[in-house]
Amino acid sequence: MNKPSPKRLIIIRGLPGSGKSTFGRLLTDEVYEADMYFMQSGKYQYDKDKIAEAHKWCQAQVKKAMFHTHAPLIAVSNTFVRRWEMDAYYDLAVIHRYEVTEITLTGRIHPNIHGVPDEVIERMRNSWER
């Protein structure tokens, strides 16, 4: 008897400009990022005061994809500098029976499309948890 293919959540982490979004879109159409919250009429409108809301929104989108559509392959792409920032996604994977693959991208593959200053990226790099 054939076992059904497992549902999989891919967690993609890396510094700004490392290619997280591009890589996620190569894997699946079901890609969610906190940055998506800041897209207004096709333009990126970042508001640092809404970053917690953006991450809650991203988690809700992943939960909806798992619970309502039962998408077989979902990717979530955020910086995830601190390991605890991934906990909500690991919890969702357990609840909805998704296997998790965690991928860390390193290096500067692309220009940083969101205009994150180099000094901020350097602070993130110095705070990185493996």
N, C-alpha and C. Protein backbone atom coordinates (compact mmCIF):
# COMPACT_ATOMS: atom_id res chain seq x y z
N MET A 1 0.84 -1.17 0.00
CA MET A 1 0.00 0.00 0.00
C MET A 1 0.89 1.25 0.00
N ASN A 2 0.62 2.19 -0.89
CA ASN A 2 1.40 3.42 -0.98
C ASN A 2 0.98 4.41 0.10
N LYS A 3 1.99 4.97 0.75
CA LYS A 3 1.73 6.03 1.72
C LYS A 3 1.54 7.34 0.96
N PRO A 4 0.60 8.18 1.41
CA PRO A 4 0.47 9.48 0.75
C PRO A 4 1.72 10.33 1.00
N SER A 5 2.03 11.20 0.05
CA SER A 5 3.18 12.09 0.23
C SER A 5 2.94 12.99 1.42
N PRO A 6 3.98 13.21 2.22
CA PRO A 6 3.79 14.07 3.38
C PRO A 6 3.60 15.52 2.96
N LYS A 7 2.83 16.23 3.77
CA LYS A 7 2.72 17.67 3.57
C LYS A 7 3.99 18.28 4.15
N ARG A 8 4.49 19.33 3.50
CA ARG A 8 5.78 19.88 3.91
C ARG A 8 5.71 21.40 4.02
N LEU A 9 6.30 21.90 5.11
CA LEU A 9 6.51 23.33 5.31
C LEU A 9 8.00 23.59 5.18
N ILE A 10 8.35 24.49 4.28
CA ILE A 10 9.75 24.88 4.10
C ILE A 10 9.92 26.24 4.80
N ILE A 11 10.78 26.31 5.78
CA ILE A 11 11.10 27.57 6.45
C ILE A 11 12.40 28.07 5.84
N ILE A 12 12.33 29.23 5.18
CA ILE A 12 13.49 29.82 4.53
C ILE A 12 13.92 31.04 5.33
N ARG A 13 15.17 31.01 5.80
CA ARG A 13 15.68 32.12 6.59
C ARG A 13 16.96 32.65 5.99
N GLY A 14 17.21 33.92 6.23
CA GLY A 14 18.44 34.54 5.73
C GLY A 14 18.35 36.04 5.85
N LEU A 15 19.47 36.69 5.69
CA LEU A 15 19.54 38.14 5.77
C LEU A 15 18.88 38.77 4.54
N PRO A 16 18.50 40.04 4.63
CA PRO A 16 17.95 40.72 3.46
C PRO A 16 18.92 40.63 2.28
N GLY A 17 18.36 40.32 1.11
CA GLY A 17 19.18 40.21 -0.09
C GLY A 17 19.77 38.84 -0.34
N SER A 18 19.47 37.88 0.52
CA SER A 18 20.06 36.54 0.34
C SER A 18 19.29 35.67 -0.65
N GLY A 19 18.15 36.14 -1.15
CA GLY A 19 17.41 35.39 -2.16
C GLY A 19 16.27 34.55 -1.61
N LYS A 20 15.80 34.86 -0.42
CA LYS A 20 14.74 34.06 0.21
C LYS A 20 13.46 34.03 -0.63
N SER A 21 13.00 35.19 -1.06
CA SER A 21 11.76 35.27 -1.84
C SER A 21 11.88 34.53 -3.16
N THR A 22 12.97 34.77 -3.84
CA THR A 22 13.20 34.11 -5.13
C THR A 22 13.25 32.60 -4.97
N PHE A 23 13.98 32.14 -3.99
CA PHE A 23 14.09 30.70 -3.75
C PHE A 23 12.73 30.10 -3.40
N GLY A 24 11.98 30.76 -2.53
CA GLY A 24 10.65 30.26 -2.16
C GLY A 24 9.75 30.11 -3.36
N ARG A 25 9.77 31.10 -4.26
CA ARG A 25 8.91 31.04 -5.45
C ARG A 25 9.36 29.96 -6.42
N LEU A 26 10.63 29.54 -6.36
CA LEU A 26 11.09 28.42 -7.18
C LEU A 26 10.51 27.10 -6.68
N LEU A 27 10.21 27.04 -5.38
CA LEU A 27 9.73 25.81 -4.78
C LEU A 27 8.22 25.60 -4.90
N THR A 28 7.46 26.70 -4.73
CA THR A 28 6.00 26.57 -4.65
C THR A 28 5.33 27.91 -4.89
N ASP A 29 4.06 27.86 -5.26
CA ASP A 29 3.25 29.09 -5.37
C ASP A 29 2.74 29.53 -4.01
N GLU A 30 2.80 28.64 -3.04
CA GLU A 30 2.32 28.94 -1.67
C GLU A 30 3.48 29.46 -0.83
N VAL A 31 3.84 30.73 -1.05
CA VAL A 31 4.94 31.36 -0.31
C VAL A 31 4.36 32.52 0.49
N TYR A 32 4.72 32.59 1.75
CA TYR A 32 4.23 33.65 2.63
C TYR A 32 5.40 34.32 3.32
N GLU A 33 5.31 35.66 3.40
CA GLU A 33 6.36 36.46 4.01
C GLU A 33 5.71 37.63 4.75
N ALA A 34 6.30 38.02 5.86
CA ALA A 34 5.79 39.19 6.58
C ALA A 34 5.83 40.43 5.68
N ASP A 35 6.81 40.52 4.79
CA ASP A 35 6.90 41.67 3.89
C ASP A 35 5.66 41.83 3.01
N MET A 36 4.95 40.75 2.74
CA MET A 36 3.75 40.82 1.91
C MET A 36 2.70 41.74 2.55
N TYR A 37 2.71 41.80 3.86
CA TYR A 37 1.76 42.64 4.61
C TYR A 37 1.92 44.12 4.24
N PHE A 38 3.12 44.50 3.86
CA PHE A 38 3.42 45.90 3.58
C PHE A 38 3.21 46.30 2.12
N MET A 39 2.72 45.38 1.30
CA MET A 39 2.46 45.70 -0.10
C MET A 39 1.11 46.42 -0.22
N GLN A 40 1.14 47.63 -0.72
CA GLN A 40 -0.06 48.44 -0.90
C GLN A 40 -0.11 48.91 -2.35
N SER A 41 -1.13 48.51 -3.08
CA SER A 41 -1.27 48.89 -4.49
C SER A 41 -0.01 48.61 -5.29
N GLY A 42 0.60 47.46 -5.03
CA GLY A 42 1.78 47.04 -5.77
C GLY A 42 3.09 47.68 -5.32
N LYS A 43 3.04 48.49 -4.25
CA LYS A 43 4.26 49.14 -3.75
C LYS A 43 4.52 48.72 -2.32
N TYR A 44 5.79 48.59 -1.99
CA TYR A 44 6.22 48.20 -0.65
C TYR A 44 6.21 49.43 0.24
N GLN A 45 5.36 49.40 1.29
CA GLN A 45 5.19 50.52 2.22
C GLN A 45 5.50 50.06 3.63
N TYR A 46 6.77 49.88 3.95
CA TYR A 46 7.19 49.37 5.25
C TYR A 46 6.87 50.37 6.36
N ASP A 47 6.38 49.84 7.48
CA ASP A 47 6.11 50.65 8.67
C ASP A 47 6.63 49.86 9.87
N LYS A 48 7.75 50.30 10.44
CA LYS A 48 8.38 49.56 11.54
C LYS A 48 7.45 49.37 12.72
N ASP A 49 6.46 50.24 12.88
CA ASP A 49 5.52 50.12 13.99
C ASP A 49 4.52 48.98 13.78
N LYS A 50 4.48 48.42 12.58
CA LYS A 50 3.53 47.35 12.27
C LYS A 50 4.19 46.00 12.04
N ILE A 51 5.47 45.87 12.43
CA ILE A 51 6.19 44.63 12.15
C ILE A 51 5.58 43.43 12.89
N ALA A 52 5.14 43.64 14.14
CA ALA A 52 4.50 42.54 14.88
C ALA A 52 3.21 42.11 14.19
N GLU A 53 2.42 43.09 13.72
CA GLU A 53 1.19 42.79 12.98
C GLU A 53 1.52 42.01 11.71
N ALA A 54 2.58 42.40 11.04
CA ALA A 54 2.97 41.73 9.79
C ALA A 54 3.31 40.26 10.04
N HIS A 55 4.01 39.99 11.13
CA HIS A 55 4.36 38.60 11.43
C HIS A 55 3.13 37.79 11.86
N LYS A 56 2.22 38.40 12.59
CA LYS A 56 0.96 37.71 12.95
C LYS A 56 0.17 37.40 11.68
N TRP A 57 0.12 38.36 10.76
CA TRP A 57 -0.58 38.17 9.49
C TRP A 57 0.03 37.00 8.73
N CYS A 58 1.37 36.95 8.67
CA CYS A 58 2.07 35.89 7.94
C CYS A 58 1.74 34.53 8.55
N GLN A 59 1.77 34.45 9.88
CA GLN A 59 1.42 33.20 10.56
C GLN A 59 -0.02 32.79 10.24
N ALA A 60 -0.93 33.77 10.21
CA ALA A 60 -2.34 33.47 9.91
C ALA A 60 -2.48 32.95 8.47
N GLN A 61 -1.70 33.50 7.54
CA GLN A 61 -1.77 33.03 6.15
C GLN A 61 -1.29 31.59 6.02
N VAL A 62 -0.22 31.27 6.73
CA VAL A 62 0.30 29.90 6.70
C VAL A 62 -0.72 28.95 7.33
N LYS A 63 -1.30 29.36 8.46
CA LYS A 63 -2.32 28.54 9.11
C LYS A 63 -3.50 28.29 8.18
N LYS A 64 -3.94 29.34 7.48
CA LYS A 64 -5.06 29.20 6.55
C LYS A 64 -4.71 28.23 5.42
N ALA A 65 -3.50 28.33 4.89
CA ALA A 65 -3.08 27.43 3.81
C ALA A 65 -3.03 25.98 4.30
N MET A 66 -2.62 25.78 5.54
CA MET A 66 -2.57 24.43 6.10
C MET A 66 -3.96 23.89 6.40
N PHE A 67 -4.77 24.71 7.04
CA PHE A 67 -6.07 24.24 7.55
C PHE A 67 -7.15 24.20 6.47
N HIS A 68 -7.26 25.26 5.68
CA HIS A 68 -8.35 25.35 4.72
C HIS A 68 -8.05 24.71 3.38
N THR A 69 -6.85 24.91 2.87
CA THR A 69 -6.55 24.38 1.55
C THR A 69 -5.74 23.10 1.59
N HIS A 70 -5.17 22.78 2.75
CA HIS A 70 -4.33 21.58 2.90
C HIS A 70 -3.23 21.54 1.84
N ALA A 71 -2.67 22.71 1.55
CA ALA A 71 -1.61 22.81 0.54
C ALA A 71 -0.51 21.81 0.86
N PRO A 72 -0.08 21.02 -0.13
CA PRO A 72 0.94 20.00 0.15
C PRO A 72 2.34 20.56 0.38
N LEU A 73 2.62 21.76 -0.16
CA LEU A 73 3.93 22.36 0.00
C LEU A 73 3.76 23.86 0.23
N ILE A 74 4.21 24.32 1.39
CA ILE A 74 4.11 25.72 1.77
C ILE A 74 5.51 26.19 2.14
N ALA A 75 5.85 27.41 1.72
CA ALA A 75 7.12 28.00 2.12
C ALA A 75 6.82 29.29 2.88
N VAL A 76 7.56 29.50 3.95
CA VAL A 76 7.50 30.77 4.68
C VAL A 76 8.91 31.33 4.67
N SER A 77 9.03 32.58 4.22
CA SER A 77 10.33 33.19 3.99
C SER A 77 10.41 34.50 4.77
N ASN A 78 11.21 34.49 5.82
CA ASN A 78 11.46 35.69 6.63
C ASN A 78 12.92 35.65 7.07
N THR A 79 13.40 36.72 7.66
CA THR A 79 14.80 36.71 8.09
C THR A 79 15.03 35.68 9.19
N PHE A 80 14.13 35.58 10.16
CA PHE A 80 14.27 34.61 11.26
C PHE A 80 15.66 34.66 11.88
N VAL A 81 16.10 35.84 12.25
CA VAL A 81 17.43 36.02 12.84
C VAL A 81 17.55 35.21 14.12
N ARG A 82 16.54 35.26 14.95
CA ARG A 82 16.51 34.52 16.21
C ARG A 82 15.71 33.24 16.01
N ARG A 83 16.17 32.15 16.55
CA ARG A 83 15.51 30.86 16.34
C ARG A 83 14.06 30.86 16.85
N TRP A 84 13.79 31.56 17.96
CA TRP A 84 12.42 31.56 18.50
C TRP A 84 11.42 32.15 17.52
N GLU A 85 11.89 32.95 16.56
CA GLU A 85 10.98 33.56 15.59
C GLU A 85 10.32 32.52 14.68
N MET A 86 10.86 31.31 14.65
CA MET A 86 10.29 30.23 13.85
C MET A 86 9.31 29.36 14.64
N ASP A 87 9.27 29.54 15.96
CA ASP A 87 8.48 28.65 16.82
C ASP A 87 7.03 28.53 16.40
N ALA A 88 6.38 29.64 16.06
CA ALA A 88 4.96 29.60 15.68
C ALA A 88 4.74 28.71 14.47
N TYR A 89 5.70 28.72 13.54
CA TYR A 89 5.56 27.90 12.33
C TYR A 89 5.80 26.42 12.64
N TYR A 90 6.75 26.14 13.51
CA TYR A 90 6.94 24.75 13.94
C TYR A 90 5.69 24.24 14.66
N ASP A 91 5.09 25.09 15.49
CA ASP A 91 3.86 24.70 16.20
C ASP A 91 2.73 24.41 15.22
N LEU A 92 2.56 25.27 14.22
CA LEU A 92 1.52 25.04 13.20
C LEU A 92 1.78 23.73 12.46
N ALA A 93 3.04 23.45 12.16
CA ALA A 93 3.37 22.22 11.44
C ALA A 93 2.98 20.99 12.25
N VAL A 94 3.22 21.03 13.54
CA VAL A 94 2.84 19.89 14.40
C VAL A 94 1.33 19.73 14.41
N ILE A 95 0.62 20.81 14.63
CA ILE A 95 -0.85 20.76 14.71
C ILE A 95 -1.46 20.23 13.43
N HIS A 96 -0.94 20.68 12.28
CA HIS A 96 -1.54 20.32 10.98
C HIS A 96 -0.80 19.20 10.26
N ARG A 97 0.12 18.56 10.98
CA ARG A 97 0.85 17.39 10.47
C ARG A 97 1.65 17.66 9.20
N TYR A 98 2.44 18.70 9.27
CA TYR A 98 3.37 19.03 8.19
C TYR A 98 4.77 18.67 8.63
N GLU A 99 5.54 18.09 7.74
CA GLU A 99 6.96 17.91 8.00
C GLU A 99 7.65 19.24 7.70
N VAL A 100 8.70 19.55 8.44
CA VAL A 100 9.38 20.84 8.28
C VAL A 100 10.79 20.63 7.74
N THR A 101 11.12 21.45 6.76
CA THR A 101 12.49 21.55 6.28
C THR A 101 12.91 23.00 6.49
N GLU A 102 14.01 23.19 7.17
CA GLU A 102 14.53 24.53 7.43
C GLU A 102 15.75 24.76 6.55
N ILE A 103 15.71 25.86 5.79
CA ILE A 103 16.80 26.20 4.88
C ILE A 103 17.31 27.59 5.23
N THR A 104 18.62 27.72 5.40
CA THR A 104 19.24 29.01 5.67
C THR A 104 20.04 29.42 4.44
N LEU A 105 19.73 30.59 3.91
CA LEU A 105 20.47 31.13 2.77
C LEU A 105 21.52 32.10 3.29
N THR A 106 22.70 32.01 2.73
CA THR A 106 23.79 32.89 3.16
C THR A 106 24.33 33.65 1.96
N GLY A 107 24.98 34.73 2.21
CA GLY A 107 25.59 35.51 1.15
C GLY A 107 24.63 36.52 0.55
N ARG A 108 25.16 37.38 -0.29
CA ARG A 108 24.37 38.40 -0.98
C ARG A 108 24.19 37.96 -2.42
N ILE A 109 23.05 37.34 -2.70
CA ILE A 109 22.78 36.87 -4.05
C ILE A 109 22.18 37.99 -4.90
N HIS A 110 21.30 38.75 -4.29
CA HIS A 110 20.56 39.80 -4.98
C HIS A 110 20.74 41.13 -4.26
N PRO A 111 20.49 42.22 -4.97
CA PRO A 111 20.43 43.50 -4.26
C PRO A 111 19.27 43.43 -3.26
N ASN A 112 19.40 44.11 -2.17
CA ASN A 112 18.39 44.14 -1.13
C ASN A 112 17.23 45.01 -1.63
N ILE A 113 16.13 44.37 -2.04
CA ILE A 113 15.02 45.07 -2.71
C ILE A 113 14.19 45.94 -1.78
N HIS A 114 14.32 45.78 -0.47
CA HIS A 114 13.51 46.57 0.45
C HIS A 114 14.28 47.74 1.06
N GLY A 115 15.47 47.99 0.60
CA GLY A 115 16.21 49.15 1.06
C GLY A 115 16.67 49.08 2.50
N VAL A 116 16.91 47.89 3.01
CA VAL A 116 17.40 47.76 4.38
C VAL A 116 18.83 48.28 4.42
N PRO A 117 19.11 49.27 5.28
CA PRO A 117 20.46 49.83 5.33
C PRO A 117 21.51 48.79 5.71
N ASP A 118 22.71 48.95 5.16
CA ASP A 118 23.80 48.01 5.42
C ASP A 118 24.09 47.85 6.91
N GLU A 119 23.99 48.93 7.68
CA GLU A 119 24.27 48.82 9.12
C GLU A 119 23.23 47.97 9.84
N VAL A 120 21.98 47.98 9.36
CA VAL A 120 20.94 47.13 9.94
C VAL A 120 21.22 45.67 9.60
N ILE A 121 21.61 45.42 8.37
CA ILE A 121 21.95 44.05 7.96
C ILE A 121 23.13 43.55 8.78
N GLU A 122 24.10 44.41 9.02
CA GLU A 122 25.26 44.01 9.82
C GLU A 122 24.85 43.68 11.26
N ARG A 123 23.93 44.45 11.83
CA ARG A 123 23.42 44.14 13.18
C ARG A 123 22.71 42.78 13.18
N MET A 124 21.93 42.53 12.14
CA MET A 124 21.25 41.23 12.03
C MET A 124 22.28 40.11 11.95
N ARG A 125 23.30 40.31 11.13
CA ARG A 125 24.35 39.29 10.97
C ARG A 125 25.03 39.00 12.32
N ASN A 126 25.28 40.05 13.10
CA ASN A 126 25.93 39.88 14.40
C ASN A 126 25.02 39.23 15.44
N SER A 127 23.71 39.29 15.23
CA SER A 127 22.74 38.69 16.16
C SER A 127 22.28 37.31 15.72
N TRP A 128 22.77 36.83 14.58
CA TRP A 128 22.29 35.59 13.97
C TRP A 128 22.45 34.40 14.91
N GLU A 129 21.38 33.63 15.04
CA GLU A 129 21.43 32.38 15.81
C GLU A 129 21.38 31.21 14.84
N ARG A 130 22.34 30.31 15.01
CA ARG A 130 22.41 29.13 14.13
C ARG A 130 21.45 28.06 14.53
